[in-house]
Each structure stands twice: as C-alpha cells, then as structure tokens.
C-alpha cells in the first residue's frame, strides 16, 4: 500500500489519481477470483437447462459486484486518503467488512473456484486436506475455527481491537501494519457473512435463532462503537495528525463524528436487514412445517442447562470421591 499521496486539483483528479497495485491483495484475493472466473467460463460452456444457466448468471453478477467493491477497497484512492480522514477510513473499513463480503457469499463461488484451479494443483490440495483432516487434533481445531461462534468473535475482535487508539495509531505507522488491519477486516467480514447469509443446503449451519443472535451481536457491536465514537468529547486518534495531517481540512473531532455517523448507518443497518431476512425465512419454514422455532429455542436452552447440570454433578461426584 502506497503511503505517498498525490494531491489532486479537482474532483476528477481525486477519482483518477492515487490508484495503486497492492501485491498482497493480488495474491491473497486476486488468484482465487481469477480461479472463479476461469471456472465460471468452463462451467458456462457445458450444456445445462435455461433455469440453471440463469442461476449461474445471477451469481456471476453478484460476484462481479463483489469484485468491484474489492477493487475499490484494495487498489483505489480510498486506502490512500484513509490515511488523511477518519471518515474515509471508516468507509474503507465498511467496504472490507460489510459491503463486499455479502455479495461474495451470495455469489456462492466455491465450486467454480475449485473448477478454475488446474487439475494437478487441485488434486494436490485435496490430498493435503485429507491428510490433515485425518489427524484428530487438527480436525478438532478445524471444527473450532469453522464454528459460527468463532466467526462472531473474529468479527467483533477485528472491529474493536483496530479501533482502540493504541492499535489504530500503531497500524497507521507503516504500510505493512495497514495491510494487516485491512486483511483482518476483510477475512473476518467474509467469515461472519458466511455464517449470516449462506444458504447452502449441504453445509452445516446453526439454527435460525442462534444465527439471528450472532447477526444481532455484529450489528450491536457496530452500533455501540459508533455511539462511543460520536459522543466522545475528544478525538481518539492522533495518527491522523502526524501521518498525513498537512492534507487535512477539518478538525479531528469533527472528522471522528462524521465517521461515527457512517458506521452507525452503513455498519449496523446491513446486519439488521440480514437479521430480518433470517427471521422471515425461519417463519416461512415454520409455516411450511419444516422447523419449529419454539422447539428449536427450547432444545437449545435445555441442552445448555443439561450440560451445565452434568458438569456440576460431575464436580460434586469428584469432590465426594476425594473426601472418601
């Protein structure tokens, strides 16, 4: 990421100047995206019904939108000017965590990505995956890391840790640290949105109640951070002064309040919409007799109670045996 700004003399100049190549993004995100489009082209050359073809075309459109948002986040002038204004920095964060990831997940690109990887490479990757998955500790670690709870913790941790003044100012000191911040935002956002909206029928998902709870936690996290930023009597970050302060045209506090408003509206509201959609789908499924929301919630609570009761009983029995 370039830390040098070319100051523009017009609105068009701000749009055109300061584009850059982020090689980390090219490798970590560009290669999977290229594999997707290669796999998509191969898939579309195969005979299929018009309905299935229309589904692939719709998903390709969603993937294109996600790719545009990713290009804006990784290569546009926004990351450069995010070193100057906090409200631009907030737009950048939300693009990485809230705007691009849901389109990527709705595109459901995983099978086409696999088709786009050269066959020998894919065979080697699958063999390595099976070898690792056969190991008990690694399989257990994989289950923990793929848990919806882990996604929620990763999202909230990325959101809050990087907005604490110390870590934020630390990240602003070098382009490498900014890259670390950027990719932690993006991958945490992808992980959380996968939990929130992915509808793959053959994949493990938690029940609708817990999915809604995790979505609500993400929304409330954004809202609470926005409240703290907006109502603070002083500016949180000094980095915007000593990093690129000569380019600033507003006070740090005013900049922070604008950033808080952007986070409140564009950070919390998309999660609220996702939560409403999850509840709507759950109610529709209940009307069709596919699920029973009350039983699902009751079973979840009772399972937690049973686990806690069993743990207490076990500890009491151990204490009695120790006494005897």
Protein backbone atom coordinates (compact mmCIF):
# COMPACT_ATOMS: atom_id res chain seq x y z
CA UNK A 1 0.00 0.00 0.00
CA UNK A 2 1.39 3.36 -1.02
CA UNK A 3 1.93 5.88 1.78
CA UNK A 4 2.54 8.74 -0.71
CA UNK A 5 -0.37 10.97 -1.74
CA UNK A 6 -0.68 12.88 -4.98
CA UNK A 7 -2.86 15.84 -4.07
CA UNK A 8 -5.47 16.40 -6.76
CA UNK A 9 -6.70 19.75 -8.01
CA UNK A 10 -10.23 18.67 -8.94
CA UNK A 11 -12.90 16.09 -8.11
CA UNK A 12 -11.93 14.07 -11.18
CA UNK A 13 -8.34 14.16 -10.04
CA UNK A 14 -9.28 12.67 -6.68
CA UNK A 15 -11.03 9.82 -8.51
CA UNK A 16 -8.25 9.20 -11.04
CA UNK A 17 -5.07 9.83 -9.03
CA UNK A 18 -3.58 7.63 -6.32
CA UNK A 19 -4.60 4.26 -7.76
CA UNK A 20 -2.00 1.67 -6.82
CA UNK A 21 -1.19 -2.04 -7.04
CA UNK A 22 -1.41 -3.96 -3.77
CA UNK A 23 0.52 -7.17 -4.41
CA UNK A 24 -0.69 -8.79 -1.21
CA UNK A 25 -4.25 -8.35 -2.41
CA UNK A 26 -3.34 -9.65 -5.86
CA UNK A 27 -2.02 -12.89 -4.34
CA UNK A 28 -4.47 -13.43 -1.47
CA UNK A 29 -7.65 -12.31 -3.24
CA UNK A 30 -6.80 -11.89 -6.93
CA UNK A 31 -5.77 -15.51 -7.51
CA UNK A 32 -8.99 -17.00 -6.03
CA UNK A 33 -11.06 -14.50 -8.01
CA UNK A 34 -9.20 -15.41 -11.21
CA UNK A 35 -9.82 -19.10 -10.46
CA UNK A 36 -13.52 -18.35 -10.05
CA UNK A 37 -13.87 -16.62 -13.41
CA UNK A 38 -11.89 -19.38 -15.12
CA UNK A 39 -14.16 -21.98 -13.53
CA UNK A 40 -17.26 -19.95 -14.38
CA UNK A 41 -16.33 -19.76 -18.06
CA UNK A 42 -15.69 -23.50 -18.12
CA UNK A 43 -18.99 -24.16 -16.36
CA UNK A 44 -20.99 -21.96 -18.77
CA UNK A 45 -19.61 -23.87 -21.77
CA UNK A 46 -21.30 -27.03 -20.54
CA UNK A 47 -24.86 -27.92 -21.60
CA UNK A 48 -27.47 -27.04 -18.95
CA UNK A 49 -31.09 -26.05 -18.64
CA UNK A 50 -32.08 -22.37 -19.02
CA UNK A 51 -33.04 -22.20 -15.34
CA UNK A 52 -29.66 -23.46 -14.16
CA UNK A 53 -27.86 -21.15 -16.60
CA UNK A 54 -29.86 -18.19 -15.30
CA UNK A 55 -28.80 -19.09 -11.76
CA UNK A 56 -25.13 -19.11 -12.74
CA UNK A 57 -25.55 -15.77 -14.50
CA UNK A 58 -27.22 -14.23 -11.45
CA UNK A 59 -24.44 -15.47 -9.20
CA UNK A 60 -21.81 -14.18 -11.65
CA UNK A 61 -23.42 -10.72 -11.43
CA UNK A 62 -23.17 -10.83 -7.64
CA UNK A 63 -19.55 -11.91 -7.94
CA UNK A 64 -18.86 -9.02 -10.30
CA UNK A 65 -20.32 -6.55 -7.78
CA UNK A 66 -18.16 -8.09 -5.05
CA UNK A 67 -15.09 -7.82 -7.27
CA UNK A 68 -15.74 -4.14 -7.98
CA UNK A 69 -16.07 -3.43 -4.26
CA UNK A 70 -12.88 -5.40 -3.60
CA UNK A 71 -11.01 -3.39 -6.26
CA UNK A 72 -12.21 -0.18 -4.61
CA UNK A 73 -11.03 -1.43 -1.21
CA UNK A 74 -7.62 -2.71 -2.34
CA UNK A 75 -6.48 -0.57 -5.26
CA UNK A 76 -8.45 2.68 -5.39
CA UNK A 77 -7.50 6.07 -3.85
CA UNK A 78 -9.69 5.28 -0.81
CA UNK A 79 -6.96 3.40 1.15
CA UNK A 80 -4.57 6.29 0.46
CA UNK A 81 -6.96 9.01 1.61
CA UNK A 82 -7.91 6.81 4.58
CA UNK A 83 -4.56 7.96 5.97
CA UNK A 84 -5.87 11.55 6.00
CA UNK A 85 -9.53 11.43 7.04
CA UNK A 86 -11.16 9.13 9.54
CA UNK A 87 -14.49 9.24 7.72
CA UNK A 88 -12.76 7.90 4.58
CA UNK A 89 -11.05 5.33 6.78
CA UNK A 90 -14.47 4.23 8.05
CA UNK A 91 -15.83 3.85 4.52
CA UNK A 92 -12.77 1.76 3.72
CA UNK A 93 -13.34 -0.48 6.75
CA UNK A 94 -17.02 -0.96 5.94
CA UNK A 95 -16.26 -1.76 2.31
CA UNK A 96 -13.97 -4.55 3.53
CA UNK A 97 -16.26 -5.88 6.30
CA UNK A 98 -19.85 -5.08 5.34
CA UNK A 99 -20.17 -4.15 1.65
CA UNK A 100 -18.04 -6.58 -0.39
CA UNK A 101 -18.36 -9.81 1.71
CA UNK A 102 -22.16 -10.34 1.44
CA UNK A 103 -22.08 -10.11 -2.36
CA UNK A 104 -19.17 -12.55 -2.37
CA UNK A 105 -21.08 -15.03 -0.19
CA UNK A 106 -24.33 -14.67 -2.15
CA UNK A 107 -22.39 -15.46 -5.33
CA UNK A 108 -21.59 -18.88 -3.79
CA UNK A 109 -18.31 -19.06 -5.76
CA UNK A 110 -16.68 -22.06 -4.10
CA UNK A 111 -17.43 -24.81 -6.63
CA UNK A 112 -16.47 -22.61 -9.58
CA UNK A 113 -13.26 -21.60 -7.81
CA UNK A 114 -12.42 -25.29 -7.47
CA UNK A 115 -13.17 -25.83 -11.17
CA UNK A 116 -10.87 -22.95 -12.07
CA UNK A 117 -7.84 -24.36 -10.26
CA UNK A 118 -5.62 -26.52 -12.55
CA UNK A 119 -6.40 -30.22 -12.01
CA UNK A 120 -2.94 -31.26 -10.71
CA UNK A 121 -2.92 -28.41 -8.20
CA UNK A 122 -6.46 -29.22 -7.07
CA UNK A 123 -5.60 -32.90 -6.65
CA UNK A 124 -2.58 -31.99 -4.53
CA UNK A 125 -4.65 -29.61 -2.38
CA UNK A 126 -7.35 -32.22 -1.79
CA UNK A 127 -4.75 -34.83 -0.85
CA UNK A 128 -3.15 -32.41 1.64
CA UNK A 129 -6.58 -31.57 3.05
CA UNK A 130 -7.49 -35.24 3.57
CA UNK A 131 -4.13 -35.90 5.20
CA UNK A 132 -4.57 -33.02 7.63
CA UNK A 133 -8.25 -33.77 8.32
CA UNK A 134 -7.35 -37.32 9.35
CA UNK A 135 -5.37 -36.01 12.32
CA UNK A 136 -7.51 -35.72 15.43
CA UNK A 137 -6.13 -32.51 16.88
CA UNK A 138 -6.14 -30.72 13.54
CA UNK A 139 -9.71 -31.88 12.87
CA UNK A 140 -10.76 -30.57 16.29
CA UNK A 141 -9.02 -27.27 15.65
CA UNK A 142 -10.72 -27.01 12.25
CA UNK A 143 -14.14 -27.54 13.86
CA UNK A 144 -13.44 -24.80 16.39
CA UNK A 145 -12.16 -22.36 13.77
CA UNK A 146 -15.14 -23.01 11.48
CA UNK A 147 -17.68 -22.52 14.27
CA UNK A 148 -20.21 -19.67 13.95
CA UNK A 149 -19.12 -18.56 17.43
CA UNK A 150 -15.58 -18.18 16.15
CA UNK A 151 -16.87 -16.07 13.25
CA UNK A 152 -18.72 -13.75 15.64
CA UNK A 153 -15.70 -13.41 17.92
CA UNK A 154 -13.36 -12.79 14.96
CA UNK A 155 -15.63 -10.09 13.54
CA UNK A 156 -16.15 -8.26 16.82
CA UNK A 157 -12.47 -8.58 17.74
CA UNK A 158 -11.35 -7.13 14.41
CA UNK A 159 -13.86 -4.30 14.71
CA UNK A 160 -12.95 -3.34 18.28
CA UNK A 161 -9.23 -4.06 18.55
CA UNK A 162 -8.36 -2.00 15.47
CA UNK A 163 -10.49 0.90 16.72
CA UNK A 164 -8.75 1.09 20.10
CA UNK A 165 -6.49 4.18 19.88
CA UNK A 166 -3.25 2.30 20.62
CA UNK A 167 -3.56 -0.45 17.96
CA UNK A 168 -5.04 2.02 15.47
CA UNK A 169 -2.17 4.51 15.79
CA UNK A 170 0.30 1.60 15.70
CA UNK A 171 -1.18 0.32 12.43
CA UNK A 172 -1.01 3.78 10.85
CA UNK A 173 2.78 3.87 11.29
CA UNK A 174 3.58 1.60 8.34
CA UNK A 175 2.04 0.18 5.21
CA UNK A 176 2.65 -3.39 6.38
CA UNK A 177 0.60 -2.84 9.52
CA UNK A 178 -2.15 -1.25 7.45
CA UNK A 179 -2.15 -4.38 5.29
CA UNK A 180 -2.57 -6.49 8.43
CA UNK A 181 -5.52 -4.36 9.50
CA UNK A 182 -7.05 -4.46 6.02
CA UNK A 183 -6.95 -8.23 5.59
CA UNK A 184 -8.13 -8.95 9.13
CA UNK A 185 -11.18 -6.80 8.38
CA UNK A 186 -11.85 -8.48 5.06
CA UNK A 187 -11.49 -12.11 6.09
CA UNK A 188 -13.38 -11.57 9.36
CA UNK A 189 -16.18 -9.97 7.34
CA UNK A 190 -16.27 -12.85 4.86
CA UNK A 191 -16.37 -15.38 7.70
CA UNK A 192 -19.20 -13.61 9.54
CA UNK A 193 -21.29 -13.02 6.43
CA UNK A 194 -20.90 -16.69 5.53
CA UNK A 195 -22.48 -17.54 8.87
CA UNK A 196 -25.18 -14.91 8.39
CA UNK A 197 -26.49 -15.49 4.87
CA UNK A 198 -25.00 -18.58 3.20
CA UNK A 199 -27.86 -20.88 2.23
CA UNK A 200 -26.01 -23.99 1.05
CA UNK A 201 -28.30 -26.93 1.79
CA UNK A 202 -25.47 -29.43 2.21
CA UNK A 203 -23.45 -27.34 4.65
CA UNK A 204 -23.54 -27.23 8.42
CA UNK A 205 -25.42 -24.25 9.81
CA UNK A 206 -26.70 -23.39 13.22
CA UNK A 207 -30.41 -22.96 13.84
CA UNK A 208 -32.18 -19.74 12.90
CA UNK A 209 -32.37 -18.47 16.48
CA UNK A 210 -28.63 -18.64 17.02
CA UNK A 211 -27.89 -17.29 13.57
CA UNK A 212 -30.06 -14.27 14.34
CA UNK A 213 -28.29 -13.86 17.71
CA UNK A 214 -24.88 -13.78 16.02
CA UNK A 215 -26.12 -11.29 13.43
CA UNK A 216 -27.57 -9.10 16.18
CA UNK A 217 -24.24 -9.22 18.02
CA UNK A 218 -22.42 -7.96 14.92
CA UNK A 219 -24.98 -5.18 14.42
CA UNK A 220 -24.90 -4.09 18.07
CA UNK A 221 -21.10 -4.12 18.03
CA UNK A 222 -21.05 -1.64 15.15
CA UNK A 223 -23.75 0.48 16.77
CA UNK A 224 -22.04 0.62 20.17
CA UNK A 225 -18.71 1.59 18.65
CA UNK A 226 -20.46 4.31 16.63
CA UNK A 227 -22.09 5.68 19.80
CA UNK A 228 -18.78 5.80 21.67
CA UNK A 229 -17.01 7.49 18.76
CA UNK A 230 -19.79 10.00 18.13
CA UNK A 231 -20.42 11.03 21.75
CA UNK A 232 -16.77 11.25 22.76
CA UNK A 233 -15.68 14.71 23.85
CA UNK A 234 -12.25 14.34 22.27
CA UNK A 235 -10.58 12.77 19.27
CA UNK A 236 -9.42 9.19 19.80
CA UNK A 237 -6.59 9.02 17.29
CA UNK A 238 -3.52 11.17 16.95
CA UNK A 239 -2.29 9.31 13.86
CA UNK A 240 -4.35 11.46 11.50
CA UNK A 241 -2.34 14.48 12.64
CA UNK A 242 1.19 13.14 12.42
CA UNK A 243 0.65 10.76 9.49
CA UNK A 244 -0.89 12.95 6.79
CA UNK A 245 -2.03 15.95 8.81
CA UNK A 246 -0.88 18.50 6.23
CA UNK A 247 -3.69 17.38 3.92
CA UNK A 248 -6.49 17.77 6.45
CA UNK A 249 -9.20 20.42 6.10
CA UNK A 250 -11.29 19.67 9.24
CA UNK A 251 -10.74 19.07 12.93
CA UNK A 252 -10.05 15.61 14.27
CA UNK A 253 -13.22 15.65 16.40
CA UNK A 254 -15.50 16.66 13.51
CA UNK A 255 -13.87 14.00 11.35
CA UNK A 256 -14.48 11.41 14.06
CA UNK A 257 -18.15 12.37 14.43
CA UNK A 258 -18.75 12.01 10.69
CA UNK A 259 -17.04 8.61 10.81
CA UNK A 260 -19.31 7.58 13.70
CA UNK A 261 -22.42 8.51 11.70
CA UNK A 262 -21.19 6.48 8.73
CA UNK A 263 -20.54 3.47 10.98
CA UNK A 264 -23.96 3.77 12.62
CA UNK A 265 -25.92 3.81 9.36
CA UNK A 266 -23.85 1.72 6.97
CA UNK A 267 -22.33 -0.62 9.56
CA UNK A 268 -25.29 -1.60 11.71
CA UNK A 269 -28.18 -1.38 9.22
CA UNK A 270 -26.97 -4.11 6.77
CA UNK A 271 -26.72 -6.53 9.69
CA UNK A 272 -30.20 -5.53 10.83
CA UNK A 273 -31.53 -6.29 7.35
CA UNK A 274 -29.76 -9.66 7.36
CA UNK A 275 -31.33 -10.48 10.72
CA UNK A 276 -34.82 -9.61 9.46
CA UNK A 277 -34.28 -11.87 6.42
CA UNK A 278 -33.16 -14.75 8.64
CA UNK A 279 -36.25 -14.40 10.85
CA UNK A 280 -38.51 -14.13 7.78
CA UNK A 281 -37.07 -17.32 6.29
CA UNK A 282 -37.39 -19.09 9.64
CA UNK A 283 -41.05 -18.10 9.95
CA UNK A 284 -41.74 -19.20 6.38
CA UNK A 285 -40.08 -22.54 7.09
CA UNK A 286 -42.19 -22.91 10.22
CA UNK A 287 -45.38 -22.22 8.26
CA UNK A 288 -44.40 -24.99 5.84
CA UNK A 289 -43.82 -27.32 8.78
CA UNK A 290 -40.09 -27.66 8.14
CA UNK A 291 -38.98 -26.30 11.52
CA UNK A 292 -40.46 -25.36 14.88
CA UNK A 293 -38.82 -22.20 16.19
CA UNK A 294 -40.15 -22.61 19.73
CA UNK A 295 -38.87 -26.18 19.97
CA UNK A 296 -35.55 -25.15 18.47
CA UNK A 297 -35.07 -22.43 21.09
CA UNK A 298 -36.30 -24.68 23.91
CA UNK A 299 -33.98 -27.51 22.89
CA UNK A 300 -31.04 -25.12 22.71
CA UNK A 301 -31.70 -23.75 26.20
CA UNK A 302 -32.34 -27.19 27.69
CA UNK A 303 -29.17 -28.58 26.12
CA UNK A 304 -27.16 -25.80 27.76
CA UNK A 305 -28.91 -26.48 31.09
CA UNK A 306 -28.22 -30.21 30.81
CA UNK A 307 -24.56 -29.61 30.03
CA UNK A 308 -24.20 -27.24 33.00
CA UNK A 309 -26.06 -29.68 35.28
CA UNK A 310 -23.92 -32.60 34.15
CA UNK A 311 -20.78 -30.57 34.78
CA UNK A 312 -21.93 -29.67 38.31
CA UNK A 313 -22.87 -33.29 39.04
CA UNK A 314 -19.51 -34.49 37.83
CA UNK A 315 -17.67 -31.97 40.02
CA UNK A 316 -19.75 -32.98 43.07
CA UNK A 317 -19.04 -36.67 42.48
CA UNK A 318 -15.33 -35.95 42.11
CA UNK A 319 -15.37 -33.98 45.37
CA UNK A 320 -17.18 -36.81 47.19
CA UNK A 321 -14.70 -39.38 45.94
CA UNK A 322 -11.85 -37.15 47.04
CA UNK A 323 -13.34 -36.81 50.52
CA UNK A 324 -13.85 -40.55 50.87
